[in-house]
Amino acid sequence: MSEYTIESLTPDTFESFAALGGKHNGVWGGCWCTWFHPNDERPGTFDGNREFKRRLVAERRAHAALVFDGNTCVAWCQYGPATELPRIYHRKDVEAEGYAPPDYRITCFFVDRDYRRRGVAAVALRGALDLIAESGGGFVEAYPQDTQGKKTSASFLYNGTRHLFEEAGFEYERSIGKNHCLMRTEIAATADLARR
């Protein structure tokens, strides 16, 4: 297996991110990983979404861990504060009575079709959690699919799987929607980890 590296999504890495997105028709027909951002700003067109994502990255309002195989971006895991990524599926179920918003949400993954089923999503998730730790850590929330051990097409696993998040130390909180669940973990800041 290749040695993968992680880079943060920044203006300097945007073209690598865009190359992966472009290889796959802008991801899900031109989303460009913008669906979870505020709807009132999202253009909803192929080219508009791409430029919207570029602007969010330039304004530091879009975060992702990019997985590189050499110089090629082969996957990403999107994360960010709840205010940056407000459009989650099953929001009413998630934000039920007594809900405490997380410091970060993990909303989606994308893996190059040539790299699927090789564990690259786990690398992307670990990269996102490491970047969150470097940014001060906090509570992290995710909404993966609960496959209950059944094989599922990779194209439906944009949120990852419950098993993937359990392997990364997340705890199951409750079921949301038909096939998804709410999971949480707390990530220590990198400086806190160094003191242990």
Protein backbone atom coordinates (compact mmCIF):
# COMPACT_ATOMS: atom_id res chain seq x y z
CA MET A 1 0.00 0.00 0.00
CA SER A 2 1.23 3.49 -0.82
CA GLU A 3 2.28 5.91 1.87
CA TYR A 4 -0.55 8.41 2.02
CA THR A 5 -0.10 11.94 3.31
CA ILE A 6 -2.65 14.41 4.64
CA GLU A 7 -2.95 18.05 3.65
CA SER A 8 -5.51 20.58 4.78
CA LEU A 9 -7.83 22.05 2.14
CA THR A 10 -6.41 25.53 1.53
CA PRO A 11 -6.05 27.86 -1.46
CA ASP A 12 -2.71 26.12 -2.12
CA THR A 13 -4.29 22.65 -2.28
CA PHE A 14 -7.58 23.64 -3.90
CA GLU A 15 -6.53 22.68 -7.44
CA SER A 16 -5.64 19.18 -6.25
CA PHE A 17 -9.06 18.92 -4.59
CA ALA A 18 -10.69 20.24 -7.78
CA ALA A 19 -8.80 17.74 -9.94
CA LEU A 20 -10.26 14.87 -7.93
CA GLY A 21 -13.72 16.45 -8.03
CA GLY A 22 -13.44 17.09 -11.77
CA LYS A 23 -12.44 13.49 -12.44
CA HIS A 24 -15.81 12.48 -10.90
CA ASN A 25 -18.14 15.01 -12.58
CA GLY A 26 -17.89 17.50 -9.73
CA VAL A 27 -18.94 14.77 -7.27
CA TRP A 28 -22.57 13.65 -7.28
CA GLY A 29 -23.41 15.64 -10.41
CA GLY A 30 -21.70 18.90 -9.52
CA CYS A 31 -22.01 19.26 -5.74
CA TRP A 32 -18.28 19.98 -5.28
CA CYS A 33 -18.79 19.13 -1.61
CA THR A 34 -20.96 22.23 -1.03
CA TRP A 35 -24.31 20.68 -0.05
CA PHE A 36 -23.75 20.94 3.71
CA HIS A 37 -22.76 24.63 3.54
CA PRO A 38 -25.42 27.35 3.97
CA ASN A 39 -28.11 27.01 1.29
CA ASP A 40 -28.65 30.74 0.86
CA GLU A 41 -25.11 31.10 -0.52
CA ARG A 42 -24.93 27.93 -2.63
CA PRO A 43 -25.44 28.58 -6.38
CA GLY A 44 -26.62 25.05 -7.17
CA THR A 45 -24.89 24.80 -10.56
CA PHE A 46 -21.82 22.80 -11.58
CA ASP A 47 -19.52 25.80 -12.21
CA GLY A 48 -21.16 27.94 -9.53
CA ASN A 49 -20.68 25.31 -6.84
CA ARG A 50 -17.01 24.88 -7.78
CA GLU A 51 -16.34 28.61 -7.50
CA PHE A 52 -18.44 28.83 -4.34
CA LYS A 53 -16.24 26.14 -2.79
CA ARG A 54 -13.11 28.00 -3.93
CA ARG A 55 -14.41 31.18 -2.25
CA LEU A 56 -15.27 29.37 0.99
CA VAL A 57 -11.76 27.89 1.08
CA ALA A 58 -10.20 31.31 0.47
CA GLU A 59 -12.31 32.75 3.31
CA ARG A 60 -11.41 29.81 5.60
CA ARG A 61 -15.04 28.73 5.77
CA ALA A 62 -14.48 25.26 4.32
CA HIS A 63 -12.34 22.56 5.88
CA ALA A 64 -11.28 19.11 4.76
CA ALA A 65 -8.49 16.63 5.22
CA LEU A 66 -7.17 15.75 1.77
CA VAL A 67 -5.49 12.39 1.27
CA PHE A 68 -2.58 12.38 -1.18
CA ASP A 69 -0.92 9.46 -2.92
CA GLY A 70 2.27 11.16 -3.99
CA ASN A 71 1.20 14.43 -5.64
CA THR A 72 -2.35 13.26 -6.40
CA CYS A 73 -5.33 13.94 -4.16
CA VAL A 74 -7.27 10.66 -3.88
CA ALA A 75 -9.80 11.39 -1.11
CA TRP A 76 -11.13 13.90 1.34
CA CYS A 77 -13.06 14.11 4.59
CA GLN A 78 -15.03 17.32 5.11
CA TYR A 79 -15.33 18.75 8.61
CA GLY A 80 -16.09 22.10 10.21
CA PRO A 81 -18.04 23.94 12.90
CA ALA A 82 -21.81 23.50 12.97
CA THR A 83 -22.25 27.09 11.74
CA GLU A 84 -20.09 26.30 8.70
CA LEU A 85 -21.97 23.06 7.93
CA PRO A 86 -25.58 23.63 9.03
CA ARG A 87 -27.36 21.54 6.35
CA ILE A 88 -27.13 18.07 7.81
CA TYR A 89 -29.59 15.32 6.91
CA HIS A 90 -32.07 14.38 9.66
CA ARG A 91 -31.41 17.69 11.39
CA LYS A 92 -34.65 17.57 13.42
CA ASP A 93 -33.72 14.13 14.72
CA VAL A 94 -30.18 15.26 15.52
CA GLU A 95 -31.08 18.57 17.14
CA ALA A 96 -33.72 17.08 19.45
CA GLU A 97 -34.50 18.44 22.91
CA GLY A 98 -31.39 18.72 25.08
CA TYR A 99 -29.07 18.77 22.06
CA ALA A 100 -25.68 20.43 22.59
CA PRO A 101 -24.05 21.54 19.31
CA PRO A 102 -20.59 20.06 18.70
CA ASP A 103 -17.42 22.00 18.13
CA TYR A 104 -17.04 20.19 14.79
CA ARG A 105 -19.14 18.14 12.41
CA ILE A 106 -17.89 15.54 9.95
CA THR A 107 -20.33 15.61 7.07
CA CYS A 108 -18.92 13.72 4.12
CA PHE A 109 -16.17 11.69 2.52
CA PHE A 110 -15.18 11.26 -1.06
CA VAL A 111 -12.74 8.65 -2.34
CA ASP A 112 -11.44 8.34 -5.90
CA ARG A 113 -13.17 5.38 -7.57
CA ASP A 114 -9.72 3.85 -8.23
CA TYR A 115 -8.95 3.82 -4.47
CA ARG A 116 -12.19 2.55 -2.97
CA ARG A 117 -12.28 -0.40 -0.57
CA ARG A 118 -8.62 0.10 0.37
CA GLY A 119 -9.10 1.81 3.74
CA VAL A 120 -8.56 5.31 2.35
CA ALA A 121 -11.70 6.68 4.07
CA ALA A 122 -10.17 5.67 7.42
CA VAL A 123 -7.00 7.57 6.49
CA ALA A 124 -9.11 10.63 5.62
CA LEU A 125 -11.04 10.44 8.90
CA ARG A 126 -7.85 10.12 10.94
CA GLY A 127 -6.44 13.09 9.02
CA ALA A 128 -9.53 15.19 9.81
CA LEU A 129 -9.32 14.32 13.51
CA ASP A 130 -5.61 15.20 13.56
CA LEU A 131 -6.36 18.57 11.93
CA ILE A 132 -9.12 19.18 14.49
CA ALA A 133 -6.63 18.38 17.28
CA GLU A 134 -4.16 20.87 15.78
CA SER A 135 -6.94 23.50 15.79
CA GLY A 136 -7.67 23.05 19.50
CA GLY A 137 -9.79 19.90 19.56
CA GLY A 138 -13.28 19.61 21.02
CA PHE A 139 -16.44 17.58 20.58
CA VAL A 140 -16.85 16.07 17.12
CA GLU A 141 -20.13 14.78 15.74
CA ALA A 142 -20.81 12.51 12.75
CA TYR A 143 -23.85 10.97 11.06
CA PRO A 144 -22.65 7.74 9.43
CA GLN A 145 -24.71 5.05 7.82
CA ASP A 146 -25.47 2.14 10.12
CA THR A 147 -25.05 -0.72 7.64
CA GLN A 148 -25.45 -3.38 10.37
CA GLY A 149 -22.80 -5.45 8.61
CA LYS A 150 -24.56 -5.46 5.23
CA LYS A 151 -22.64 -4.72 2.03
CA THR A 152 -23.57 -1.31 0.66
CA SER A 153 -22.54 0.46 -2.52
CA ALA A 154 -19.67 2.86 -1.84
CA SER A 155 -21.62 5.59 -3.63
CA PHE A 156 -24.12 5.63 -0.74
CA LEU A 157 -21.47 5.90 1.96
CA TYR A 158 -20.76 9.64 1.68
CA ASN A 159 -21.14 9.86 5.50
CA GLY A 160 -18.99 6.79 6.15
CA THR A 161 -20.14 3.82 8.22
CA ARG A 162 -20.79 3.31 11.90
CA HIS A 163 -17.98 0.74 11.95
CA LEU A 164 -15.51 3.27 10.46
CA PHE A 165 -16.30 5.75 13.22
CA GLU A 166 -16.26 3.14 15.97
CA GLU A 167 -12.76 2.16 14.83
CA ALA A 168 -11.77 5.83 15.22
CA GLY A 169 -13.09 5.98 18.81
CA PHE A 170 -16.54 7.51 18.26
CA GLU A 171 -19.43 6.41 20.47
CA TYR A 172 -22.88 5.60 19.17
CA GLU A 173 -25.55 7.92 20.60
CA ARG A 174 -28.75 7.08 18.74
CA SER A 175 -30.40 6.20 15.46
CA ILE A 176 -31.42 9.04 13.14
CA GLY A 177 -33.44 8.69 9.98
CA LYS A 178 -33.83 5.26 8.40
CA ASN A 179 -30.22 4.06 8.13
CA HIS A 180 -28.04 6.63 9.89
CA CYS A 181 -26.90 7.22 13.43
CA LEU A 182 -25.51 10.03 15.54
CA MET A 183 -21.99 9.44 16.87
CA ARG A 184 -19.67 11.61 18.94
CA THR A 185 -16.17 11.75 20.31
CA GLU A 186 -13.99 14.28 22.08
CA ILE A 187 -10.64 15.13 20.52
CA ALA A 188 -7.90 16.56 22.71
CA ALA A 189 -5.88 19.49 21.43
CA THR A 190 -2.46 18.53 20.08
CA ALA A 191 -0.79 20.49 22.90
CA ASP A 192 -2.88 18.52 25.44
CA LEU A 193 -1.78 15.25 23.83
CA ALA A 194 1.87 16.31 24.05
CA ARG A 195 1.54 16.86 27.83
CA ARG A 196 0.32 13.28 28.45
